[in-house]
Amino acid sequence: MSPASSVNFTAGTPETVLATVADEVAAELARAADLPPAERYRALTSLAAANPRCLEAWAGLAESVEDPVERYAFARVGYHRGLDALRAAGWRGSGFVRWAHPSNRGFLRSLEALRSAASDIGEADEEERCAVFLRQLDPEWGSRGHLS
């Protein structure tokens, strides 16, 4: 486990905090966020291609397209990359992954985008699974202006 990620088992339910992205990747994400939509999409696709483990890039791509199938595909990649990152950080399939930790937000945004896209394409069971999972990961999900 890297020093920038951790699992806390001392206070009851374990809580996982993902590692932060490298400073240069964070700078690219910030630059992309300030671009007009078409340019943002191109910047995020370049960023995801160069850094396929960057959960924020996949979440940003899912949030930047209107087509629900494209959203679903980008979100699904971010979700699965996020599960890989969580496991690498010590997560064992249960415990909190809270929005309060900015480094967790790329994963949670991907999961929320997957929930939304599943709803839009009529995949109600996937929508419900994602909604339940979000609340299991962060019991405060939706109560503080999250994406949900």
C-alpha atoms as a PDB file:
ATOM      1  CA  MET A   1       0.000   0.000   0.000  1.00  0.00           C
ATOM      2  CA  SER A   2       1.394   3.398  -0.889  1.00  0.00           C
ATOM      3  CA  PRO A   3       1.869   5.999   1.842  1.00  0.00           C
ATOM      4  CA  ALA A   4      -0.628   8.312   0.107  1.00  0.00           C
ATOM      5  CA  SER A   5      -3.475   5.818   0.479  1.00  0.00           C
ATOM      6  CA  SER A   6      -4.768   4.181   3.593  1.00  0.00           C
ATOM      7  CA  VAL A   7      -7.355   2.033   5.261  1.00  0.00           C
ATOM      8  CA  ASN A   8      -8.352   2.918   8.820  1.00  0.00           C
ATOM      9  CA  PHE A   9      -9.558  -0.081  10.843  1.00  0.00           C
ATOM     10  CA  THR A  10      -9.398   1.496  14.284  1.00  0.00           C
ATOM     11  CA  ALA A  11     -12.776   3.238  14.415  1.00  0.00           C
ATOM     12  CA  GLY A  12     -15.231   0.461  13.598  1.00  0.00           C
ATOM     13  CA  THR A  13     -16.046   0.302   9.903  1.00  0.00           C
ATOM     14  CA  PRO A  14     -12.883   0.577   7.804  1.00  0.00           C
ATOM     15  CA  GLU A  15     -12.472   3.667   5.642  1.00  0.00           C
ATOM     16  CA  THR A  16     -10.361   3.759   2.496  1.00  0.00           C
ATOM     17  CA  VAL A  17      -8.752   6.893   1.129  1.00  0.00           C
ATOM     18  CA  LEU A  18      -7.323   6.662  -2.363  1.00  0.00           C
ATOM     19  CA  ALA A  19      -3.963   8.134  -3.278  1.00  0.00           C
ATOM     20  CA  THR A  20      -3.950  11.618  -4.753  1.00  0.00           C
ATOM     21  CA  VAL A  21      -3.035  12.103  -8.387  1.00  0.00           C
ATOM     22  CA  ALA A  22       0.411  13.383  -9.286  1.00  0.00           C
ATOM     23  CA  ASP A  23       0.786  17.161  -9.250  1.00  0.00           C
ATOM     24  CA  GLU A  24       1.226  17.362 -13.027  1.00  0.00           C
ATOM     25  CA  VAL A  25      -1.937  15.310 -13.595  1.00  0.00           C
ATOM     26  CA  ALA A  26      -3.836  17.507 -11.136  1.00  0.00           C
ATOM     27  CA  ALA A  27      -2.634  20.569 -13.057  1.00  0.00           C
ATOM     28  CA  GLU A  28      -3.852  19.042 -16.350  1.00  0.00           C
ATOM     29  CA  LEU A  29      -7.228  18.259 -14.787  1.00  0.00           C
ATOM     30  CA  ALA A  30      -7.528  21.840 -13.543  1.00  0.00           C
ATOM     31  CA  ARG A  31      -6.630  23.214 -16.987  1.00  0.00           C
ATOM     32  CA  ALA A  32      -9.171  20.908 -18.637  1.00  0.00           C
ATOM     33  CA  ALA A  33     -11.910  22.033 -16.250  1.00  0.00           C
ATOM     34  CA  ASP A  34     -11.496  25.622 -17.458  1.00  0.00           C
ATOM     35  CA  LEU A  35     -11.871  24.766 -21.160  1.00  0.00           C
ATOM     36  CA  PRO A  36     -15.015  25.000 -23.288  1.00  0.00           C
ATOM     37  CA  PRO A  37     -16.846  21.638 -23.532  1.00  0.00           C
ATOM     38  CA  ALA A  38     -15.401  20.359 -26.830  1.00  0.00           C
ATOM     39  CA  GLU A  39     -11.864  21.288 -25.833  1.00  0.00           C
ATOM     40  CA  ARG A  40     -12.400  19.841 -22.339  1.00  0.00           C
ATOM     41  CA  TYR A  41     -13.462  16.534 -23.898  1.00  0.00           C
ATOM     42  CA  ARG A  42     -10.322  16.431 -26.072  1.00  0.00           C
ATOM     43  CA  ALA A  43      -8.102  17.330 -23.118  1.00  0.00           C
ATOM     44  CA  LEU A  44      -9.687  14.639 -20.941  1.00  0.00           C
ATOM     45  CA  THR A  45      -9.384  11.960 -23.636  1.00  0.00           C
ATOM     46  CA  SER A  46      -5.694  12.802 -23.992  1.00  0.00           C
ATOM     47  CA  LEU A  47      -5.279  12.742 -20.228  1.00  0.00           C
ATOM     48  CA  ALA A  48      -7.092   9.396 -19.886  1.00  0.00           C
ATOM     49  CA  ALA A  49      -5.002   7.899 -22.697  1.00  0.00           C
ATOM     50  CA  ALA A  50      -1.768   9.038 -21.058  1.00  0.00           C
ATOM     51  CA  ASN A  51      -2.959   8.196 -17.515  1.00  0.00           C
ATOM     52  CA  PRO A  52      -5.525   5.384 -17.758  1.00  0.00           C
ATOM     53  CA  ARG A  53      -5.603   4.986 -13.971  1.00  0.00           C
ATOM     54  CA  CYS A  54      -6.705   8.606 -13.484  1.00  0.00           C
ATOM     55  CA  LEU A  55     -10.225   8.202 -12.113  1.00  0.00           C
ATOM     56  CA  GLU A  56     -10.927  11.926 -12.366  1.00  0.00           C
ATOM     57  CA  ALA A  57     -10.299  11.827 -16.126  1.00  0.00           C
ATOM     58  CA  TRP A  58     -12.790   8.974 -16.632  1.00  0.00           C
ATOM     59  CA  ALA A  59     -15.369  10.677 -14.416  1.00  0.00           C
ATOM     60  CA  GLY A  60     -14.860  13.939 -16.305  1.00  0.00           C
ATOM     61  CA  LEU A  61     -15.341  12.169 -19.621  1.00  0.00           C
ATOM     62  CA  ALA A  62     -18.534  10.512 -18.384  1.00  0.00           C
ATOM     63  CA  GLU A  63     -19.824  13.881 -17.221  1.00  0.00           C
ATOM     64  CA  SER A  64     -18.862  15.653 -20.443  1.00  0.00           C
ATOM     65  CA  VAL A  65     -20.874  13.651 -22.980  1.00  0.00           C
ATOM     66  CA  GLU A  66     -24.592  13.733 -23.595  1.00  0.00           C
ATOM     67  CA  ASP A  67     -25.051  10.313 -25.172  1.00  0.00           C
ATOM     68  CA  PRO A  68     -26.058   7.903 -22.385  1.00  0.00           C
ATOM     69  CA  VAL A  69     -24.217   4.956 -23.952  1.00  0.00           C
ATOM     70  CA  GLU A  70     -20.977   6.958 -24.109  1.00  0.00           C
ATOM     71  CA  ARG A  71     -21.552   8.132 -20.515  1.00  0.00           C
ATOM     72  CA  TYR A  72     -22.151   4.544 -19.469  1.00  0.00           C
ATOM     73  CA  ALA A  73     -18.942   3.361 -21.155  1.00  0.00           C
ATOM     74  CA  PHE A  74     -16.709   6.089 -19.679  1.00  0.00           C
ATOM     75  CA  ALA A  75     -18.294   5.679 -16.257  1.00  0.00           C
ATOM     76  CA  ARG A  76     -17.908   1.902 -16.375  1.00  0.00           C
ATOM     77  CA  VAL A  77     -14.167   2.283 -17.075  1.00  0.00           C
ATOM     78  CA  GLY A  78     -13.818   4.759 -14.202  1.00  0.00           C
ATOM     79  CA  TYR A  79     -15.770   2.463 -11.910  1.00  0.00           C
ATOM     80  CA  HIS A  80     -13.667  -0.610 -12.688  1.00  0.00           C
ATOM     81  CA  ARG A  81     -10.396   1.332 -12.540  1.00  0.00           C
ATOM     82  CA  GLY A  82     -11.641   2.668  -9.219  1.00  0.00           C
ATOM     83  CA  LEU A  83     -12.304  -0.808  -7.853  1.00  0.00           C
ATOM     84  CA  ASP A  84      -8.737  -1.738  -8.837  1.00  0.00           C
ATOM     85  CA  ALA A  85      -7.404   1.363  -7.055  1.00  0.00           C
ATOM     86  CA  LEU A  86      -9.483   0.638  -3.954  1.00  0.00           C
ATOM     87  CA  ARG A  87      -8.212  -2.935  -3.761  1.00  0.00           C
ATOM     88  CA  ALA A  88      -4.630  -1.718  -4.197  1.00  0.00           C
ATOM     89  CA  ALA A  89      -5.265   0.707  -1.314  1.00  0.00           C
ATOM     90  CA  GLY A  90      -6.330  -2.140   0.977  1.00  0.00           C
ATOM     91  CA  TRP A  91     -10.120  -2.088   0.509  1.00  0.00           C
ATOM     92  CA  ARG A  92     -11.535  -5.576   0.868  1.00  0.00           C
ATOM     93  CA  GLY A  93     -15.020  -5.149  -0.529  1.00  0.00           C
ATOM     94  CA  SER A  94     -16.621  -3.292   2.347  1.00  0.00           C
ATOM     95  CA  GLY A  95     -16.120  -0.137   4.325  1.00  0.00           C
ATOM     96  CA  PHE A  96     -16.387   3.550   3.661  1.00  0.00           C
ATOM     97  CA  VAL A  97     -15.033   5.463   0.678  1.00  0.00           C
ATOM     98  CA  ARG A  98     -16.175   8.957   1.536  1.00  0.00           C
ATOM     99  CA  TRP A  99     -16.665  12.033  -0.632  1.00  0.00           C
ATOM    100  CA  ALA A 100     -15.055  14.096   2.131  1.00  0.00           C
ATOM    101  CA  HIS A 101     -11.669  12.865   0.857  1.00  0.00           C
ATOM    102  CA  PRO A 102     -11.011  14.624  -2.472  1.00  0.00           C
ATOM    103  CA  SER A 103      -8.892  11.724  -3.730  1.00  0.00           C
ATOM    104  CA  ASN A 104     -11.979   9.458  -3.560  1.00  0.00           C
ATOM    105  CA  ARG A 105     -14.112  11.720  -5.719  1.00  0.00           C
ATOM    106  CA  GLY A 106     -13.054  10.414  -9.135  1.00  0.00           C
ATOM    107  CA  PHE A 107     -14.294   6.959  -8.175  1.00  0.00           C
ATOM    108  CA  LEU A 108     -17.506   8.225  -6.595  1.00  0.00           C
ATOM    109  CA  ARG A 109     -18.202  10.516  -9.573  1.00  0.00           C
ATOM    110  CA  SER A 110     -17.700   7.552 -11.925  1.00  0.00           C
ATOM    111  CA  LEU A 111     -20.085   5.433  -9.876  1.00  0.00           C
ATOM    112  CA  GLU A 112     -22.682   8.227  -9.851  1.00  0.00           C
ATOM    113  CA  ALA A 113     -22.280   8.709 -13.616  1.00  0.00           C
ATOM    114  CA  LEU A 114     -22.754   4.958 -14.076  1.00  0.00           C
ATOM    115  CA  ARG A 115     -25.921   5.098 -11.966  1.00  0.00           C
ATOM    116  CA  SER A 116     -27.277   8.001 -14.000  1.00  0.00           C
ATOM    117  CA  ALA A 117     -26.398   6.477 -17.378  1.00  0.00           C
ATOM    118  CA  ALA A 118     -27.913   3.132 -16.345  1.00  0.00           C
ATOM    119  CA  SER A 119     -31.117   4.989 -15.527  1.00  0.00           C
ATOM    120  CA  ASP A 120     -31.059   6.736 -18.892  1.00  0.00           C
ATOM    121  CA  ILE A 121     -30.702   3.498 -20.845  1.00  0.00           C
ATOM    122  CA  GLY A 122     -33.354   1.697 -18.791  1.00  0.00           C
ATOM    123  CA  GLU A 123     -31.069  -0.586 -16.805  1.00  0.00           C
ATOM    124  CA  ALA A 124     -33.014  -0.218 -13.565  1.00  0.00           C
ATOM    125  CA  ASP A 125     -31.265  -3.018 -11.668  1.00  0.00           C
ATOM    126  CA  GLU A 126     -27.823  -1.496 -12.358  1.00  0.00           C
ATOM    127  CA  GLU A 127     -29.107   1.950 -11.387  1.00  0.00           C
ATOM    128  CA  GLU A 128     -30.345   0.562  -8.051  1.00  0.00           C
ATOM    129  CA  ARG A 129     -27.118  -1.380  -7.384  1.00  0.00           C
ATOM    130  CA  CYS A 130     -25.063   1.772  -7.981  1.00  0.00           C
ATOM    131  CA  ALA A 131     -27.358   3.886  -5.777  1.00  0.00           C
ATOM    132  CA  VAL A 132     -27.137   1.373  -2.925  1.00  0.00           C
ATOM    133  CA  PHE A 133     -23.364   1.060  -3.329  1.00  0.00           C
ATOM    134  CA  LEU A 134     -22.926   4.852  -3.182  1.00  0.00           C
ATOM    135  CA  ARG A 135     -24.870   4.994   0.099  1.00  0.00           C
ATOM    136  CA  GLN A 136     -22.882   2.047   1.498  1.00  0.00           C
ATOM    137  CA  LEU A 137     -19.592   3.708   0.604  1.00  0.00           C
ATOM    138  CA  ASP A 138     -20.642   7.078   1.997  1.00  0.00           C
ATOM    139  CA  PRO A 139     -23.770   7.067   4.200  1.00  0.00           C
ATOM    140  CA  GLU A 140     -23.992  10.842   3.749  1.00  0.00           C
ATOM    141  CA  TRP A 141     -24.147  10.507  -0.051  1.00  0.00           C
ATOM    142  CA  GLY A 142     -26.595  13.003  -1.486  1.00  0.00           C
ATOM    143  CA  SER A 143     -27.077  14.896   1.764  1.00  0.00           C
ATOM    144  CA  ARG A 144     -24.394  17.532   1.248  1.00  0.00           C
ATOM    145  CA  GLY A 145     -24.781  18.564  -2.361  1.00  0.00           C
ATOM    146  CA  HIS A 146     -22.989  15.586  -3.862  1.00  0.00           C
ATOM    147  CA  LEU A 147     -23.742  14.705  -7.428  1.00  0.00           C
ATOM    148  CA  SER A 148     -26.522  12.407  -6.294  1.00  0.00           C
END
